């Protein structure tokens, strides 16, 4: 985690999350220098501990915590993820039962109308910009979203996690590289990329929530990877499950089933 990532985590998730993620990064990078196998083994141990904590929380309050492995990743087809959670609706107070924005959202069960506040991924200016550049051979400066980013930078504001034109150019090159890698190799989980030395800890696959009907709703992380996977028509992407709607979880508990490789449609 470089200083830019640290600032981003602090702004979006708060000091506690920064300390937690920062300690993970430092620990795992030190271990990774000795051996990637050791680093991943330690991560597996931490994952088992998280599972124990989740079980304790579920036992104490089964209506708020699902009986699951909170760090489990599942493989889904990107086409199954049609919507993204509308974070702006939560900021304006439109959501009846708001979701945790900073941390503590993995493995929780939450009722309310949050799953109704969503936007189609392919209708977002961000997605359309990537589609214009990587599918239609367009230019960044021809897109609404990119010009909005440039405008913010010119007014001295941060945009796309950049604060200067140089950082913006670096960002575009990084996305180009990600696109080429996905096109050539397909989607690989963060754990695989760590093993190959491409990525470093912490692992951050896209997080999806599950609606009352069992639909996946993209919540956070992996915006570029998910969008590019859809644009490239990839068959698989690895995701982590965040919040589950209480109505969906009730059906899962009654049927004694668990999400595996695709969403469970409640009839």
Protein backbone atom coordinates (compact mmCIF):
# COMPACT_ATOMS: atom_id res chain seq x y z
CA UNK A 1 0.00 0.00 0.00
CA UNK A 2 1.61 3.25 -1.16
CA UNK A 3 0.77 6.66 0.27
CA UNK A 4 -1.86 7.30 -2.38
CA UNK A 5 -3.66 4.06 -1.50
CA UNK A 6 -3.38 4.92 2.20
CA UNK A 7 -4.99 8.33 1.64
CA UNK A 8 -7.73 6.74 -0.45
CA UNK A 9 -8.52 4.13 2.23
CA UNK A 10 -8.51 6.79 4.96
CA UNK A 11 -10.92 9.02 3.05
CA UNK A 12 -13.30 6.26 2.04
CA UNK A 13 -13.14 3.87 4.99
CA UNK A 14 -11.71 5.75 7.98
CA UNK A 15 -8.76 5.45 10.32
CA UNK A 16 -9.61 2.00 11.74
CA UNK A 17 -9.75 0.46 8.28
CA UNK A 18 -6.48 2.18 7.32
CA UNK A 19 -4.71 0.76 10.38
CA UNK A 20 -6.14 -2.72 9.76
CA UNK A 21 -5.34 -2.81 6.04
CA UNK A 22 -2.00 -1.10 6.53
CA UNK A 23 -0.89 -3.70 9.09
CA UNK A 24 -2.02 -6.47 6.75
CA UNK A 25 -0.05 -5.02 3.86
CA UNK A 26 3.14 -4.54 5.87
CA UNK A 27 2.89 -8.01 7.41
CA UNK A 28 2.16 -9.84 4.19
CA UNK A 29 4.74 -7.94 2.16
CA UNK A 30 7.43 -8.86 4.66
CA UNK A 31 6.30 -12.48 4.56
CA UNK A 32 5.97 -12.39 0.79
CA UNK A 33 9.60 -11.30 0.48
CA UNK A 34 10.56 -14.50 2.27
CA UNK A 35 8.05 -16.75 0.56
CA UNK A 36 4.75 -16.26 -1.25
CA UNK A 37 3.70 -19.68 0.04
CA UNK A 38 4.26 -18.58 3.63
CA UNK A 39 2.38 -15.32 3.04
CA UNK A 40 -0.62 -17.13 1.58
CA UNK A 41 -0.53 -19.70 4.40
CA UNK A 42 -0.70 -16.89 6.93
CA UNK A 43 -3.60 -15.41 4.98
CA UNK A 44 -5.36 -18.79 5.11
CA UNK A 45 -4.88 -18.81 8.88
CA UNK A 46 -6.31 -15.32 9.14
CA UNK A 47 -9.23 -16.44 6.98
CA UNK A 48 -9.94 -19.35 9.36
CA UNK A 49 -9.92 -16.90 12.27
CA UNK A 50 -12.40 -14.67 10.44
CA UNK A 51 -14.62 -17.73 9.97
CA UNK A 52 -14.54 -18.43 13.71
CA UNK A 53 -15.43 -14.81 14.48
CA UNK A 54 -18.28 -14.99 11.95
CA UNK A 55 -19.65 -18.13 13.60
CA UNK A 56 -19.56 -16.47 17.02
CA UNK A 57 -21.38 -13.43 15.66
CA UNK A 58 -23.93 -15.66 13.92
CA UNK A 59 -24.55 -17.61 17.13
CA UNK A 60 -25.10 -14.43 19.10
CA UNK A 61 -27.21 -12.69 16.48
CA UNK A 62 -28.31 -14.96 13.60
CA UNK A 63 -30.58 -12.26 12.18
CA UNK A 64 -27.63 -9.95 11.51
CA UNK A 65 -24.82 -12.34 10.57
CA UNK A 66 -24.96 -15.18 8.03
CA UNK A 67 -23.47 -18.58 8.86
CA UNK A 68 -20.84 -18.38 6.13
CA UNK A 69 -17.13 -18.15 5.44
CA UNK A 70 -16.80 -14.34 5.11
CA UNK A 71 -13.56 -14.58 3.10
CA UNK A 72 -14.83 -17.15 0.63
CA UNK A 73 -14.57 -16.20 -3.04
CA UNK A 74 -16.98 -17.56 -5.64
CA UNK A 75 -16.77 -17.66 -9.42
CA UNK A 76 -19.61 -16.11 -11.42
CA UNK A 77 -20.23 -14.99 -14.97
CA UNK A 78 -19.84 -11.20 -15.21
CA UNK A 79 -23.10 -11.08 -17.17
CA UNK A 80 -24.90 -12.10 -13.96
CA UNK A 81 -23.87 -8.82 -12.34
CA UNK A 82 -26.16 -6.30 -13.99
CA UNK A 83 -26.51 -3.65 -11.30
CA UNK A 84 -24.35 -1.57 -8.98
CA UNK A 85 -25.49 -0.33 -5.59
CA UNK A 86 -26.45 3.35 -5.74
CA UNK A 87 -24.14 4.83 -3.13
CA UNK A 88 -25.44 8.32 -3.88
CA UNK A 89 -28.90 7.32 -2.65
CA UNK A 90 -27.38 6.34 0.67
CA UNK A 91 -25.50 9.62 0.94
CA UNK A 92 -28.71 11.61 0.34
CA UNK A 93 -30.59 9.55 2.94
CA UNK A 94 -32.96 7.81 0.53
CA UNK A 95 -32.06 4.31 1.72
CA UNK A 96 -34.38 3.03 4.43
CA UNK A 97 -31.83 0.82 6.15
CA UNK A 98 -28.35 2.11 5.15
CA UNK A 99 -25.45 -0.30 4.62
CA UNK A 100 -22.06 0.06 6.33
CA UNK A 101 -20.00 2.28 4.04
CA UNK A 102 -16.54 1.91 5.55
CA UNK A 103 -16.16 -1.64 6.86
CA UNK A 104 -18.07 -4.42 8.60
CA UNK A 105 -20.22 -5.21 5.57
CA UNK A 106 -18.82 -8.66 4.76
CA UNK A 107 -21.12 -11.46 5.87
CA UNK A 108 -23.89 -9.32 7.34
CA UNK A 109 -27.62 -9.72 6.78
CA UNK A 110 -29.64 -6.54 6.31
CA UNK A 111 -33.32 -5.96 5.55
CA UNK A 112 -34.90 -2.82 4.15
CA UNK A 113 -35.04 -1.34 0.69
CA UNK A 114 -31.30 -0.98 0.01
CA UNK A 115 -31.42 -3.55 -2.81
CA UNK A 116 -33.95 -1.38 -4.65
CA UNK A 117 -31.45 1.47 -4.86
CA UNK A 118 -29.29 0.41 -7.77
CA UNK A 119 -28.19 1.50 -11.23
CA UNK A 120 -27.41 -0.53 -14.32
CA UNK A 121 -23.66 -0.92 -14.71
CA UNK A 122 -23.82 -0.51 -18.48
CA UNK A 123 -25.66 2.82 -18.09
CA UNK A 124 -22.99 4.43 -15.92
CA UNK A 125 -20.78 7.04 -17.61
CA UNK A 126 -17.74 5.22 -16.20
CA UNK A 127 -18.69 1.96 -17.95
CA UNK A 128 -19.58 3.76 -21.19
CA UNK A 129 -16.20 5.46 -21.19
CA UNK A 130 -14.36 2.13 -20.91
CA UNK A 131 -16.64 0.63 -23.55
CA UNK A 132 -15.97 3.55 -25.90
CA UNK A 133 -12.19 3.20 -25.50
CA UNK A 134 -11.75 -0.58 -25.41
CA UNK A 135 -14.63 -1.89 -27.49
CA UNK A 136 -15.27 0.87 -30.00
CA UNK A 137 -11.66 2.10 -30.41
CA UNK A 138 -12.62 5.57 -29.26
CA UNK A 139 -10.54 8.18 -27.45
CA UNK A 140 -10.72 9.00 -23.76
CA UNK A 141 -11.34 12.69 -24.46
CA UNK A 142 -14.44 11.76 -26.47
CA UNK A 143 -16.22 10.43 -23.38
CA UNK A 144 -18.40 12.36 -20.94
CA UNK A 145 -16.89 10.67 -17.91
CA UNK A 146 -13.26 11.39 -18.81
CA UNK A 147 -13.95 15.04 -19.58
CA UNK A 148 -15.61 15.32 -16.18
CA UNK A 149 -12.45 13.90 -14.59
CA UNK A 150 -10.27 16.42 -16.46
CA UNK A 151 -12.56 19.27 -15.44
CA UNK A 152 -12.27 18.36 -11.76
CA UNK A 153 -8.49 18.15 -11.98
CA UNK A 154 -8.34 21.56 -13.62
CA UNK A 155 -10.35 22.95 -10.71
CA UNK A 156 -7.85 21.51 -8.25
CA UNK A 157 -10.01 18.58 -7.14
CA UNK A 158 -9.17 14.89 -7.01
CA UNK A 159 -10.77 12.64 -9.60
CA UNK A 160 -10.28 8.97 -10.51
CA UNK A 161 -7.87 8.84 -7.55
CA UNK A 162 -5.65 11.37 -9.32
CA UNK A 163 -4.70 14.92 -8.48
CA UNK A 164 -2.60 15.86 -11.51
CA UNK A 165 -2.41 15.30 -15.25
CA UNK A 166 0.67 13.11 -14.80
CA UNK A 167 -1.18 10.85 -12.40
CA UNK A 168 -4.07 10.72 -14.85
CA UNK A 169 -1.75 9.51 -17.62
CA UNK A 170 -0.34 6.87 -15.28
CA UNK A 171 -3.88 5.79 -14.44
CA UNK A 172 -4.77 5.34 -18.10
CA UNK A 173 -1.64 3.26 -18.71
CA UNK A 174 -2.51 1.04 -15.74
CA UNK A 175 -6.01 0.44 -17.12
CA UNK A 176 -4.54 -0.30 -20.57
CA UNK A 177 -2.28 -2.88 -18.95
CA UNK A 178 -5.19 -4.41 -17.02
CA UNK A 179 -7.30 -4.62 -20.18
CA UNK A 180 -4.50 -6.35 -22.11
CA UNK A 181 -3.90 -8.83 -19.30
CA UNK A 182 -7.60 -9.71 -19.03
CA UNK A 183 -7.83 -10.08 -22.78
CA UNK A 184 -4.84 -12.37 -22.98
CA UNK A 185 -5.16 -14.37 -19.75
CA UNK A 186 -8.79 -14.02 -18.66
CA UNK A 187 -9.77 -13.07 -15.14
CA UNK A 188 -7.61 -14.34 -12.32
CA UNK A 189 -8.47 -14.07 -8.64
CA UNK A 190 -6.40 -11.79 -6.45
CA UNK A 191 -4.99 -14.84 -4.70
CA UNK A 192 -3.70 -16.22 -8.01
CA UNK A 193 -2.20 -12.88 -8.94
CA UNK A 194 -0.40 -12.71 -5.59
CA UNK A 195 1.04 -16.17 -6.21
CA UNK A 196 2.28 -15.01 -9.60
CA UNK A 197 3.76 -11.84 -8.13
CA UNK A 198 1.49 -9.57 -10.16
CA UNK A 199 -0.47 -8.19 -7.21
CA UNK A 200 0.24 -7.73 -3.51
CA UNK A 201 -1.85 -7.92 -0.36
CA UNK A 202 -4.51 -7.16 0.71
CA UNK A 203 -6.69 -9.29 -1.56
CA UNK A 204 -9.49 -7.19 -3.02
CA UNK A 205 -11.75 -9.01 -5.44
CA UNK A 206 -14.98 -7.18 -6.35
CA UNK A 207 -17.53 -7.26 -3.52
CA UNK A 208 -21.14 -8.02 -4.47
CA UNK A 209 -24.27 -7.86 -2.35
CA UNK A 210 -27.23 -10.19 -2.81
CA UNK A 211 -30.74 -8.79 -3.21
CA UNK A 212 -33.97 -10.27 -1.89
CA UNK A 213 -34.42 -12.06 -5.24
CA UNK A 214 -30.91 -13.51 -5.18
CA UNK A 215 -29.40 -11.10 -7.71
CA UNK A 216 -25.80 -9.98 -7.45
CA UNK A 217 -25.39 -6.21 -6.98
CA UNK A 218 -21.88 -4.83 -7.26
CA UNK A 219 -21.07 -2.96 -4.04
CA UNK A 220 -17.41 -1.93 -4.08
CA UNK A 221 -13.85 -2.77 -5.24
CA UNK A 222 -12.89 -4.09 -8.66
CA UNK A 223 -14.76 -1.44 -10.68
CA UNK A 224 -12.31 -1.60 -13.58
CA UNK A 225 -11.92 -5.37 -13.52
CA UNK A 226 -15.65 -6.02 -13.49
CA UNK A 227 -16.39 -3.47 -16.22
CA UNK A 228 -13.60 -4.76 -18.47
CA UNK A 229 -14.64 -8.38 -17.86
CA UNK A 230 -18.13 -7.49 -19.09
CA UNK A 231 -16.80 -5.52 -22.05
CA UNK A 232 -14.50 -8.41 -23.04
CA UNK A 233 -17.34 -10.94 -22.59
CA UNK A 234 -15.31 -13.05 -20.18
CA UNK A 235 -17.03 -16.14 -18.79
CA UNK A 236 -15.76 -15.95 -15.21
CA UNK A 237 -14.87 -13.48 -12.53
CA UNK A 238 -14.04 -14.06 -8.86
CA UNK A 239 -16.09 -12.10 -6.32
CA UNK A 240 -16.54 -11.83 -2.57
CA UNK A 241 -20.02 -11.61 -1.06
CA UNK A 242 -20.76 -8.62 1.14
CA UNK A 243 -24.29 -7.91 2.36
CA UNK A 244 -27.17 -10.34 1.98
CA UNK A 245 -30.78 -9.23 2.05
CA UNK A 246 -32.63 -10.77 5.00
CA UNK A 247 -35.37 -12.17 2.74
CA UNK A 248 -32.81 -13.95 0.59
CA UNK A 249 -30.94 -15.32 3.61
CA UNK A 250 -34.18 -16.59 5.15
CA UNK A 251 -34.83 -18.70 2.05
CA UNK A 252 -31.25 -19.99 2.11
CA UNK A 253 -31.60 -21.00 5.76
CA UNK A 254 -34.95 -22.69 5.18
CA UNK A 255 -33.66 -24.64 2.16
CA UNK A 256 -30.24 -25.21 3.78
CA UNK A 257 -28.45 -24.00 0.65
CA UNK A 258 -25.52 -21.70 0.09
CA UNK A 259 -24.38 -19.52 -2.80
CA UNK A 260 -21.82 -21.36 -4.89
CA UNK A 261 -21.16 -20.49 -8.52
CA UNK A 262 -24.27 -18.51 -9.39
CA UNK A 263 -27.03 -16.56 -7.76
CA UNK A 264 -29.98 -18.42 -6.27
CA UNK A 265 -33.21 -17.20 -7.83
CA UNK A 266 -36.06 -17.21 -5.33
CA UNK A 267 -39.29 -18.18 -7.07
